[in-house]
Amino acid sequence: MWIRSQDKKNLIKAEDIYTCQESVYIAKGKADEVKIGTYLTEERALEALDEIQKTLTELEYYKFDLEQERPKIIVYQMPKE
């Protein structure tokens, strides 16, 4: 899955996605991480992570259900607020 950062300046292939307080991060390896969104509260950051999880779940369902010849590429845009 690809994720575009909240400020739209980064398009990153996600390996690990996590929150830390009010921010959402993508880890691009063991020591490399990029902040992709900052929200007013930690609760909102967790909601954004929930939205990413939902998108990933739908992606896996469609890949399995449709048995496409090529993988479906998803780009998730981080919410502004």
Protein backbone atom coordinates (compact mmCIF):
# COMPACT_ATOMS: atom_id res chain seq x y z
CA MET A 1 0.00 0.00 0.00
CA TRP A 2 1.16 3.50 -0.80
CA ILE A 3 0.30 6.42 1.49
CA ARG A 4 0.45 10.08 0.61
CA SER A 5 1.37 12.32 3.52
CA GLN A 6 -0.99 14.86 5.00
CA ASP A 7 0.95 17.74 3.41
CA LYS A 8 0.94 15.84 0.07
CA LYS A 9 4.74 16.14 -0.23
CA ASN A 10 5.53 12.43 0.29
CA LEU A 11 4.25 9.28 -1.37
CA ILE A 12 5.60 6.32 0.57
CA LYS A 13 5.29 2.57 0.26
CA ALA A 14 4.19 1.53 3.72
CA GLU A 15 5.90 -1.28 5.59
CA ASP A 16 4.95 -0.44 9.17
CA ILE A 17 2.49 2.27 10.21
CA TYR A 18 2.12 3.45 13.80
CA THR A 19 1.03 6.36 15.97
CA CYS A 20 2.94 8.22 18.64
CA GLN A 21 0.83 10.75 20.53
CA GLU A 22 -0.85 12.99 17.91
CA SER A 23 1.23 11.83 14.93
CA VAL A 24 1.09 8.96 12.45
CA TYR A 25 4.37 7.54 11.10
CA ILE A 26 5.51 5.11 8.43
CA ALA A 27 8.65 3.08 9.04
CA LYS A 28 10.57 2.48 5.82
CA GLY A 29 13.03 0.13 7.44
CA LYS A 30 14.40 -0.50 10.90
CA ALA A 31 15.90 2.97 11.39
CA ASP A 32 14.09 5.15 8.85
CA GLU A 33 10.70 6.71 9.56
CA VAL A 34 8.58 9.50 8.08
CA LYS A 35 5.83 11.46 9.82
CA ILE A 36 2.81 11.39 7.51
CA GLY A 37 0.21 13.17 9.60
CA THR A 38 -0.31 15.25 12.73
CA TYR A 39 -3.69 15.71 14.39
CA LEU A 40 -5.13 17.70 17.28
CA THR A 41 -5.48 14.67 19.53
CA GLU A 42 -4.04 11.19 19.92
CA GLU A 43 -7.60 9.87 19.51
CA ARG A 44 -7.83 11.41 16.02
CA ALA A 45 -4.44 9.96 15.07
CA LEU A 46 -5.76 6.53 16.09
CA GLU A 47 -8.89 7.11 13.98
CA ALA A 48 -6.65 7.86 10.98
CA LEU A 49 -4.81 4.60 11.66
CA ASP A 50 -8.19 2.82 11.80
CA GLU A 51 -9.04 4.26 8.37
CA ILE A 52 -5.76 2.91 6.96
CA GLN A 53 -6.52 -0.50 8.47
CA LYS A 54 -9.97 -0.50 6.88
CA THR A 55 -8.46 0.35 3.49
CA LEU A 56 -5.89 -2.45 3.85
CA THR A 57 -8.60 -4.92 4.81
CA GLU A 58 -10.65 -3.98 1.76
CA LEU A 59 -7.57 -4.28 -0.45
CA GLU A 60 -6.85 -7.80 0.81
CA TYR A 61 -10.50 -8.78 0.30
CA TYR A 62 -10.55 -7.57 -3.30
CA LYS A 63 -7.20 -9.19 -4.11
CA PHE A 64 -8.47 -12.51 -2.81
CA ASP A 65 -12.03 -12.24 -4.10
CA LEU A 66 -11.36 -11.02 -7.62
CA GLU A 67 -8.14 -12.97 -8.28
CA GLN A 68 -6.81 -10.19 -10.47
CA GLU A 69 -4.00 -10.86 -12.92
CA ARG A 70 -2.04 -7.97 -11.46
CA PRO A 71 -2.08 -6.56 -7.94
CA LYS A 72 -4.38 -3.64 -7.27
CA ILE A 73 -2.43 -0.54 -6.25
CA ILE A 74 -3.95 1.55 -3.51
CA VAL A 75 -2.84 5.05 -2.56
CA TYR A 76 -4.31 6.27 0.73
CA GLN A 77 -4.42 10.03 1.26
CA MET A 78 -3.93 11.02 4.91
CA PRO A 79 -6.87 13.12 6.14
CA LYS A 80 -6.26 16.85 6.56
CA GLU A 81 -7.84 17.05 10.02
